[in-house]
Protein backbone atom coordinates (compact mmCIF):
# COMPACT_ATOMS: atom_id res chain seq x y z
CA MET A 1 -42.23 61.68 -7.46
CA GLN A 2 -44.12 59.27 -5.18
CA GLN A 3 -43.02 56.30 -7.36
CA ASN A 4 -39.34 57.36 -7.21
CA GLN A 5 -39.54 57.67 -3.44
CA THR A 6 -41.08 54.19 -3.16
CA GLU A 7 -38.34 52.67 -5.35
CA THR A 8 -35.65 54.39 -3.24
CA GLU A 9 -37.17 53.01 -0.03
CA LEU A 10 -37.34 49.51 -1.54
CA LYS A 11 -33.67 49.68 -2.57
CA THR A 12 -32.72 51.00 0.86
CA GLY A 13 -34.64 48.17 2.53
CA ARG A 14 -32.88 45.56 0.37
CA VAL A 15 -29.47 47.02 1.21
CA ARG A 16 -30.30 47.00 4.93
CA ARG A 17 -31.50 43.39 4.76
CA THR A 18 -28.33 42.36 2.89
CA ILE A 19 -26.15 44.10 5.47
CA GLY A 20 -28.16 42.45 8.24
CA VAL A 21 -27.68 38.97 6.72
CA LEU A 22 -23.95 39.54 6.31
CA TRP A 23 -23.64 40.85 9.86
CA TYR A 24 -25.57 37.86 11.18
CA GLY A 25 -23.32 35.49 9.24
CA LEU A 26 -20.23 37.23 10.59
CA ARG A 27 -21.51 36.91 14.14
CA VAL A 28 -22.22 33.19 13.65
CA LEU A 29 -18.69 32.72 12.31
CA ILE A 30 -17.15 34.60 15.24
CA VAL A 31 -19.22 32.66 17.79
CA GLY A 32 -18.35 29.38 16.06
CA LEU A 33 -14.65 30.12 16.18
CA LEU A 34 -14.88 31.07 19.86
CA VAL A 35 -16.69 27.81 20.64
CA ILE A 36 -14.00 25.80 18.83
CA VAL A 37 -11.23 27.60 20.70
CA LEU A 38 -12.94 27.25 24.09
CA VAL A 39 -14.19 23.68 23.71
CA LYS A 40 -10.84 22.36 22.41
CA PRO A 41 -8.23 23.76 24.78
CA GLU A 42 -5.33 22.61 22.57
CA TRP A 43 -5.43 23.50 18.86
CA PRO A 44 -5.03 20.34 16.71
CA ALA A 45 -2.03 21.70 14.80
CA TYR A 46 -0.07 21.82 18.03
CA GLY A 47 -1.47 18.93 20.01
CA ASP A 48 -2.60 16.20 17.62
CA PRO A 49 0.22 14.07 16.13
CA ASP A 50 -1.75 13.24 12.97
CA THR A 51 -2.37 16.91 12.28
CA GLN A 52 1.24 17.77 12.97
CA THR A 53 2.39 15.03 10.61
CA LEU A 54 0.16 16.36 7.85
CA GLN A 55 1.54 19.85 8.42
CA LEU A 56 5.08 18.58 7.99
CA VAL A 57 4.09 16.70 4.84
CA GLY A 58 2.49 19.85 3.44
CA LEU A 59 2.23 20.05 -0.35
CA ARG A 60 3.99 16.71 -0.69
CA GLN A 61 0.73 14.92 0.17
CA PHE A 62 -0.84 12.95 -2.69
CA ASP A 63 -4.20 14.19 -4.05
CA PHE A 64 -6.22 11.00 -4.02
CA VAL A 65 -9.59 12.59 -4.81
CA ASN A 66 -8.67 13.99 -8.22
CA PHE A 67 -6.56 10.95 -9.03
CA TRP A 68 -9.42 8.57 -8.20
CA ILE A 69 -11.90 10.56 -10.31
CA GLN A 70 -9.55 10.41 -13.30
CA THR A 71 -8.94 6.68 -12.79
CA VAL A 72 -12.65 5.84 -12.62
CA ALA A 73 -13.31 7.86 -15.79
CA LYS A 74 -10.52 6.04 -17.64
CA LYS A 75 -11.65 2.59 -16.50
CA ARG A 76 -15.20 3.41 -17.57
CA GLY A 77 -14.00 4.52 -20.99
CA ASP A 78 -11.89 1.37 -21.47
CA ALA A 79 -14.85 -0.84 -20.52
CA LEU A 80 -17.15 0.89 -23.00
CA ALA A 81 -14.56 0.67 -25.79
CA ASP A 82 -14.06 -3.11 -25.30
CA GLN A 83 -11.19 -3.10 -27.80
CA HIS A 84 -9.74 -6.39 -26.55
CA GLY A 85 -12.87 -8.48 -27.08
CA ALA A 86 -12.06 -9.52 -30.66
CA LEU A 87 -8.48 -10.62 -29.94
CA SER A 88 -7.48 -14.29 -29.91
CA GLU A 89 -6.24 -15.83 -26.66
CA SER A 90 -2.62 -15.82 -27.83
CA ASP A 91 -2.89 -12.19 -28.98
CA ARG A 92 -4.40 -11.17 -25.63
CA SER A 93 -1.51 -12.70 -23.70
CA GLN A 94 1.01 -11.08 -26.05
CA VAL A 95 -0.53 -7.65 -25.49
CA VAL A 96 -0.02 -8.13 -21.74
CA ARG A 97 3.59 -9.24 -22.28
CA ASP A 98 4.27 -6.14 -24.41
CA PHE A 99 2.62 -3.91 -21.81
CA VAL A 100 4.68 -5.33 -18.95
CA GLU A 101 7.90 -5.11 -20.96
CA LYS A 102 7.19 -1.45 -21.73
CA SER A 103 6.37 -0.78 -18.07
CA GLY A 104 9.66 -2.31 -17.02
CA GLU A 105 11.58 -0.17 -19.50
CA ILE A 106 9.93 2.99 -18.15
CA ARG A 107 10.69 1.92 -14.59
CA ARG A 108 14.38 1.32 -15.36
CA LYS A 109 14.75 4.67 -17.11
CA THR A 110 12.89 6.45 -14.30
CA ILE A 111 15.33 4.99 -11.76
CA GLU A 112 18.17 6.25 -13.95
CA LEU A 113 16.51 9.69 -14.06
CA ASN A 114 16.18 9.76 -10.27
CA ARG A 115 19.88 9.01 -9.93
CA VAL A 116 20.73 12.02 -12.07
CA PHE A 117 18.61 14.34 -9.92
CA ALA A 118 19.98 12.81 -6.70
CA ASP A 119 23.63 13.23 -7.75
CA PRO A 120 25.04 16.39 -6.09
CA ALA A 121 27.83 16.46 -8.70
CA VAL A 122 25.32 17.18 -11.49
CA ALA A 123 24.96 20.98 -11.72
CA ASP A 124 22.05 21.02 -14.20
CA PRO A 125 20.13 17.74 -13.98
CA ASN A 126 17.43 18.89 -16.41
CA ALA A 127 19.99 19.52 -19.14
CA VAL A 128 21.89 16.30 -18.47
CA SER A 129 18.72 14.19 -18.51
CA ALA A 130 16.86 15.96 -21.34
CA GLU A 131 17.26 13.06 -23.78
CA LEU A 132 16.32 10.54 -21.11
CA GLN A 133 13.16 12.51 -20.26
CA THR A 134 12.19 12.55 -23.95
CA GLU A 135 12.62 8.76 -24.12
CA ILE A 136 10.45 8.27 -21.02
CA ASN A 137 7.69 10.50 -22.44
CA GLN A 138 7.70 8.55 -25.70
CA LEU A 139 7.59 5.23 -23.90
CA ARG A 140 4.72 6.44 -21.71
CA SER A 141 2.73 7.43 -24.79
CA GLU A 142 3.20 3.92 -26.18
CA LEU A 143 2.33 2.40 -22.82
CA THR A 144 -0.96 4.32 -22.66
CA GLU A 145 -2.09 2.76 -25.94
CA LEU A 146 -1.25 -0.75 -24.72
CA GLN A 147 -2.83 -0.13 -21.31
CA THR A 148 -6.33 0.27 -22.75
CA LEU A 149 -6.08 -3.36 -23.90
CA ALA A 150 -3.82 -4.94 -21.30
CA GLU A 151 -5.64 -3.96 -18.11
CA PRO A 152 -9.04 -5.44 -19.10
CA ILE A 153 -7.30 -8.61 -20.30
CA LEU A 154 -5.45 -9.07 -17.00
CA GLN A 155 -8.63 -8.37 -15.05
CA GLU A 156 -10.49 -11.07 -16.98
CA GLN A 157 -7.66 -13.58 -16.54
CA VAL A 158 -7.70 -13.06 -12.76
CA ARG A 159 -11.51 -13.13 -12.75
CA ASP A 160 -11.60 -16.46 -14.60
CA VAL A 161 -9.27 -18.07 -12.05
CA LEU A 162 -11.36 -16.72 -9.16
CA ASN A 163 -14.51 -17.94 -10.87
CA ASP A 164 -13.09 -21.45 -11.21
CA LEU A 165 -12.10 -21.37 -7.53
CA GLY A 166 -15.74 -20.82 -6.56
CA PHE A 167 -15.90 -17.05 -6.11
CA GLY A 168 -18.24 -16.41 -9.05
CA ALA A 169 -21.65 -17.20 -10.46
CA GLY A 170 -21.41 -17.93 -14.16
CA SER A 171 -18.64 -15.59 -15.23
CA VAL A 172 -19.51 -12.90 -12.67
CA VAL A 173 -17.17 -12.43 -9.69
CA PHE A 174 -18.14 -10.03 -6.93
CA PRO A 175 -16.66 -7.63 -6.26
CA PRO A 176 -15.54 -7.36 -9.89
CA VAL A 177 -11.80 -7.43 -10.49
CA SER A 178 -10.73 -3.88 -11.31
CA ALA A 179 -7.12 -2.63 -11.33
CA HIS A 180 -5.22 0.31 -12.76
CA VAL A 181 -1.46 0.20 -13.35
CA THR A 182 0.03 3.60 -12.60
CA PRO A 183 2.94 5.39 -10.91
CA LEU A 184 1.94 5.03 -7.27
CA PRO A 185 2.38 7.50 -4.43
CA ALA A 186 4.98 6.74 -1.81
CA ILE A 187 3.72 6.17 1.73
CA LEU A 188 4.96 7.85 4.90
CA ILE A 189 4.78 5.36 7.77
CA VAL A 190 4.88 6.71 11.34
CA SER A 191 5.54 4.68 14.50
CA PRO A 192 6.22 5.59 18.13
CA ARG A 193 9.88 5.24 19.08
CA ASP A 194 9.20 3.17 22.22
CA ARG A 195 7.38 0.38 20.38
CA ILE A 196 6.80 -0.94 16.88
CA GLU A 197 3.31 0.06 15.77
CA GLN A 198 2.02 1.88 12.71
CA VAL A 199 0.07 4.88 14.03
CA ASP A 200 -0.14 6.85 10.78
CA ALA A 201 0.25 6.30 7.04
CA VAL A 202 0.21 9.33 4.73
CA PRO A 203 0.33 9.08 0.91
CA ILE A 204 3.11 11.18 -0.62
CA GLN A 205 3.43 12.39 -4.20
CA ASN A 206 5.07 9.82 -6.44
CA GLY A 207 8.63 10.41 -7.60
CA ILE A 208 9.83 11.86 -4.30
CA LEU A 209 13.63 11.56 -4.34
CA PRO A 210 15.73 9.91 -1.58
CA PRO A 211 17.10 13.21 -0.18
CA ASP A 212 13.55 14.57 0.17
CA ARG A 213 12.42 11.35 1.84
CA ALA A 214 15.26 11.55 4.35
CA GLU A 215 14.50 15.22 5.05
CA LEU A 216 10.83 14.48 5.82
CA GLU A 217 11.77 11.55 8.06
CA GLN A 218 14.21 13.73 9.99
CA GLU A 219 11.62 16.51 10.41
CA ILE A 220 9.16 14.09 11.98
CA MET A 221 11.86 12.64 14.21
CA GLN A 222 13.05 16.05 15.41
CA ASP A 223 9.70 17.86 15.67
CA LEU A 224 7.41 15.03 16.83
CA GLN A 225 9.85 12.51 18.34
CA LEU A 226 8.33 9.78 16.18
CA SER A 227 9.95 7.20 13.93
CA ALA A 228 9.23 7.75 10.21
CA TYR A 229 9.84 5.81 7.01
CA VAL A 230 8.94 6.82 3.44
CA THR A 231 8.61 3.78 1.19
CA ASP A 232 7.28 2.72 -2.18
CA ILE A 233 4.40 0.25 -2.35
CA GLY A 234 3.20 -2.36 -4.83
CA GLY A 235 -0.52 -1.62 -4.73
CA LEU A 236 -3.38 0.16 -2.98
CA GLY A 237 -6.73 -1.45 -2.26
CA PHE A 238 -8.85 1.44 -3.57
CA TYR A 239 -11.55 0.58 -6.07
CA PRO A 240 -10.29 0.31 -8.76
CA SER A 241 -7.10 -0.89 -7.06
CA LEU A 242 -3.93 0.99 -7.95
CA ILE A 243 -0.96 -1.18 -9.00
CA ILE A 244 2.64 -0.10 -9.41
CA GLU A 245 4.22 -0.12 -12.88
CA THR A 246 6.46 -3.17 -13.10
CA GLY A 247 8.36 -5.26 -15.60
CA ASN A 248 7.59 -8.43 -13.61
CA LEU A 249 4.43 -10.14 -14.89
CA VAL A 250 4.40 -12.72 -12.08
CA PHE A 251 4.44 -9.89 -9.53
CA LEU A 252 1.73 -7.97 -11.41
CA ALA A 253 -0.70 -10.91 -11.47
CA ASP A 254 0.02 -11.52 -7.77
CA VAL A 255 -0.69 -7.88 -6.76
CA ILE A 256 -3.93 -7.63 -8.77
CA ALA A 257 -5.23 -10.73 -6.96
CA HIS A 258 -3.87 -9.44 -3.62
CA GLU A 259 -5.79 -6.18 -3.94
CA TRP A 260 -8.96 -8.00 -5.05
CA ALA A 261 -8.70 -10.02 -1.82
CA HIS A 262 -8.77 -6.75 0.12
CA HIS A 263 -11.91 -5.73 -1.80
CA TRP A 264 -13.53 -9.06 -0.85
CA PHE A 265 -12.49 -8.76 2.80
CA THR A 266 -13.70 -5.15 3.02
CA LEU A 267 -17.29 -6.38 2.66
CA ARG A 268 -16.84 -8.65 5.70
CA PRO A 269 -15.92 -8.17 9.39
CA VAL A 270 -12.25 -9.09 8.91
CA GLY A 271 -11.75 -6.26 6.40
CA ILE A 272 -14.04 -3.78 8.15
CA ASN A 273 -11.78 -4.13 11.22
CA TYR A 274 -8.55 -3.71 9.23
CA LEU A 275 -7.47 -0.62 11.17
CA SER A 276 -8.81 -1.64 14.58
CA THR A 277 -5.52 -3.17 15.80
CA PRO A 278 -2.04 -3.90 14.41
CA ALA A 279 -2.88 -7.61 14.56
CA MET A 280 -5.93 -7.14 12.31
CA ARG A 281 -3.83 -5.28 9.77
CA THR A 282 -1.33 -8.15 9.76
CA ILE A 283 -4.13 -10.72 9.43
CA ASN A 284 -5.54 -8.90 6.40
CA GLU A 285 -2.19 -8.36 4.70
CA SER A 286 -0.91 -11.88 5.36
CA ALA A 287 -4.11 -13.44 4.04
CA ALA A 288 -4.18 -11.20 0.97
CA SER A 289 -0.56 -12.11 0.25
CA ILE A 290 -1.40 -15.82 0.35
CA ILE A 291 -4.38 -15.29 -1.96
CA GLY A 292 -2.34 -13.11 -4.32
CA GLN A 293 0.39 -15.74 -4.60
CA GLU A 294 -1.99 -18.62 -5.28
CA VAL A 295 -4.30 -16.86 -7.73
CA GLY A 296 -1.50 -14.97 -9.47
CA LEU A 297 0.52 -18.14 -9.96
CA GLU A 298 -2.48 -19.89 -11.53
CA VAL A 299 -2.92 -16.97 -13.95
CA ILE A 300 0.73 -17.37 -14.96
CA ARG A 301 0.37 -21.14 -15.37
CA ARG A 302 -2.63 -20.77 -17.67
CA HIS A 303 -1.62 -17.84 -19.82
CA TYR A 304 2.16 -17.31 -19.49
CA PRO A 305 3.57 -20.84 -19.03
CA GLU A 306 7.14 -19.76 -19.89
CA LEU A 307 7.17 -17.83 -16.57
CA TYR A 308 5.56 -20.52 -14.43
CA VAL A 309 7.61 -21.99 -11.59
CA PRO A 310 5.72 -24.58 -9.50
CA PRO A 311 5.49 -23.70 -5.80
CA GLU A 312 7.54 -25.70 -3.35
CA PRO A 313 5.51 -28.42 -1.58
CA PRO A 314 4.62 -27.65 2.06
CA VAL A 315 6.89 -29.10 4.71
CA GLN A 316 5.19 -31.95 6.57
CA SER A 317 5.31 -31.58 10.34
CA ASP A 318 3.69 -32.95 13.48
CA ASP A 319 0.55 -31.58 15.17
CA ASN A 320 2.59 -29.32 17.46
CA ALA A 321 4.27 -27.45 14.61
CA ALA A 322 2.34 -24.26 15.32
CA GLU A 323 3.74 -24.11 18.84
CA ALA A 324 7.35 -24.91 17.91
CA GLU A 325 10.07 -22.34 17.26
CA PRO A 326 10.62 -21.85 13.51
CA ILE A 327 13.86 -23.40 12.26
CA PRO A 328 15.61 -21.05 9.81
CA PRO A 329 17.26 -22.53 6.73
CA THR A 330 20.98 -23.15 7.08
CA PRO A 331 22.89 -20.98 4.61
CA GLY A 332 26.26 -21.88 3.12
CA PRO A 333 29.43 -20.60 4.78
CA GLU A 334 29.57 -17.53 2.51
CA GLU A 335 25.82 -17.00 2.15
CA PHE A 336 24.02 -14.11 3.85
CA ASP A 337 20.44 -15.05 4.70
CA PHE A 338 18.44 -11.79 4.59
CA ARG A 339 15.25 -13.24 6.08
CA ARG A 340 17.04 -14.90 8.98
CA GLU A 341 19.20 -11.87 9.77
CA MET A 342 16.23 -9.51 9.60
CA GLY A 343 14.32 -11.80 11.95
CA VAL A 344 17.24 -11.76 14.40
CA THR A 345 17.30 -7.98 14.18
CA ARG A 346 13.58 -7.64 14.89
CA VAL A 347 13.71 -9.93 17.92
CA GLU A 348 16.59 -7.96 19.46
CA VAL A 349 14.88 -4.61 18.75
CA ASP A 350 11.71 -5.84 20.43
CA ARG A 351 13.76 -6.89 23.48
CA LEU A 352 15.54 -3.54 23.76
CA LEU A 353 12.34 -1.52 23.39
CA ALA A 354 10.55 -3.69 25.96
CA ASP A 355 13.37 -2.79 28.38
CA GLY A 356 12.90 0.92 27.61
CA LYS A 357 16.26 1.19 25.82
CA ILE A 358 15.10 3.32 22.88
CA GLU A 359 18.45 4.93 21.99
CA GLU A 360 20.23 1.56 22.22
CA ALA A 361 17.62 -0.01 19.93
CA GLU A 362 18.02 2.77 17.37
CA ALA A 363 21.80 2.54 17.45
CA TYR A 364 21.54 -1.24 17.02
CA MET A 365 19.21 -0.88 14.02
CA GLU A 366 21.58 1.57 12.33
CA ALA A 367 24.51 -0.78 12.88
CA ARG A 368 22.50 -3.66 11.44
CA ARG A 369 21.41 -1.53 8.47
CA GLN A 370 25.05 -0.95 7.59
CA ILE A 371 25.64 -4.71 7.67
CA PHE A 372 22.73 -5.28 5.27
CA VAL A 373 24.05 -2.57 2.94
CA ALA A 374 27.51 -4.15 2.99
CA GLN A 375 25.88 -7.42 1.92
CA GLY A 376 24.26 -5.75 -1.10
CA TYR A 377 20.84 -4.95 0.38
CA ASN A 378 20.34 -1.23 -0.16
CA LEU A 379 18.33 -0.40 2.95
CA ARG A 380 18.02 3.36 3.18
CA VAL A 381 16.20 3.17 6.52
CA LEU A 382 15.94 0.56 9.28
CA ASN A 383 13.89 1.83 12.21
CA GLN A 384 10.69 1.27 14.17
CA ALA A 385 8.51 2.53 11.29
CA TYR A 386 10.27 0.18 8.85
CA PHE A 387 9.37 -2.82 11.02
CA ALA A 388 5.83 -1.50 11.60
CA PHE A 389 5.24 -1.50 7.84
CA HIS A 390 7.07 -4.61 6.64
CA GLY A 391 6.19 -6.69 9.68
CA ALA A 392 2.50 -6.55 8.75
CA TYR A 393 3.24 -8.70 5.67
CA ALA A 394 4.18 -11.54 7.98
CA ASP A 395 4.33 -14.26 5.30
CA THR A 396 6.51 -12.23 2.90
CA GLY A 397 8.01 -9.62 5.22
CA GLY A 398 11.54 -10.96 4.94
CA GLY A 399 11.77 -11.66 8.67
CA ALA A 400 10.56 -8.18 9.66
CA ALA A 401 7.72 -9.71 11.71
CA GLY A 402 10.17 -11.34 14.11
CA ARG A 403 8.29 -13.65 16.49
CA ASP A 404 4.89 -12.11 15.76
CA PRO A 405 2.51 -15.12 15.91
CA VAL A 406 -0.07 -13.66 13.50
CA GLY A 407 1.58 -14.62 10.20
CA PRO A 408 2.22 -18.25 11.14
CA LEU A 409 -1.37 -18.55 12.43
CA VAL A 410 -2.79 -17.22 9.15
CA ALA A 411 -0.57 -19.65 7.22
CA GLU A 412 -1.73 -22.49 9.45
CA VAL A 413 -5.39 -21.61 8.86
CA ARG A 414 -4.70 -21.69 5.12
CA GLY A 415 -3.11 -25.13 5.42
CA LEU A 416 -6.06 -26.47 7.41
CA SER A 417 -8.78 -24.90 5.26
CA GLY A 418 -8.56 -27.04 2.13
CA SER A 419 -9.67 -24.74 -0.70
CA LEU A 420 -8.83 -21.06 -1.06
CA GLN A 421 -12.52 -20.24 -0.83
CA ASP A 422 -12.77 -22.13 2.49
CA PHE A 423 -9.75 -20.21 3.75
CA MET A 424 -11.31 -16.84 2.97
CA GLN A 425 -14.69 -17.85 4.38
CA ASN A 426 -13.01 -19.07 7.57
CA LEU A 427 -11.29 -15.70 8.01
CA ALA A 428 -14.31 -13.61 7.02
CA SER A 429 -15.70 -13.20 10.55
CA VAL A 430 -12.36 -12.80 12.37
CA THR A 431 -12.19 -9.47 14.21
CA SER A 432 -9.27 -10.00 16.61
CA LEU A 433 -6.17 -12.06 17.26
CA GLU A 434 -8.19 -14.06 19.80
CA ASP A 435 -10.70 -14.94 17.06
CA LEU A 436 -7.84 -16.12 14.84
CA GLU A 437 -6.39 -18.27 17.63
CA THR A 438 -9.82 -19.79 18.29
CA LEU A 439 -10.31 -20.47 14.58
CA ALA A 440 -6.93 -22.20 14.30
CA ALA A 441 -7.69 -24.34 17.37
CA GLU A 442 -11.07 -25.39 15.95
CA LEU A 443 -9.54 -26.33 12.61
CA ARG A 444 -6.85 -28.41 14.31
CA ARG A 445 -9.60 -30.46 15.96
């Protein structure tokens, strides 16, 4: 009897303690919520543009965490398998050719598939494209088998070029070259309407169709009064870097080297300050583009000579070239020069926005977009966010940088630096546009 009573009291005590702990936790939660509400007078979902943008993106946002975990596991498995090690040099290059050809075929068929789903006249796109989807799935299965061999081979080919350029010790280059070819997410670029500046970049699930892109852009414009642009990208500087599937081997070698340059810069002040200002983003992207072009072209020359086209020699100019206005090439009477016309567009947009004429600038960009489309350039969007994104790639931005001095300064530093390694070392400690201007002035002397 006494024992039963003791056991009952013990059980009752445990229940009371459990209830007490739960009640204490509930009170902490309530107090915490009250503190958040009182300390932040405006809830982020309603007052913070980044949070509002993410809300509008919703489930369309790309899940980088799971994707990165899967990518790292695959790269680790490929490295342990080392299936390419016994192949001859000619066989290694042929594997890469086959891989790129298969990637290009998948890309072409995927574009065809997107057209079916985007066509409002197609009542049942799944039924119409069933055979096409089967072909893509079969091609992707074949591509996966080739990828296990092709990616490590390409990484080693880029590594060997970097090693010969002075970036390695023995055959070790740091950071190691690591890239994964995969369908990439699209990127939502956001800019204010009164100026051209990237203020947000949100990864979107890959395969998002043009109507869905336009809908998201319009939502951000209407709800947040911001300029938006959803675009595809060629690569992402994660580690391993993520590279878009492509049928262009020259482009693929270029992008792998471009993303490695970002990895190298990230360990130094210039890369650490990538997001500090728009100018720093342009410095990083312009420099990585130069590195990608030079290293990628050398990979092609060594291993895929049938694709090699020697670069054009630099134009010789006087010592004041950096201060002179660029002279655009003169096209033929019937030739439409995209780079020149885009540069003209950017300069005029900058002028209108500087005068506070936002609506006039937007109307002008739409009129210019229609001209580009009529000339065969299928620009779905031409707005502030478009220029904010493409203008950062000042050396290859197709004129989207306008009169931004950053790209020409980076190119000048490259020309004055001698070797590619000297160029990267010169840029390593740059943390502002002023630093870049000082560096260029020192090199001129």
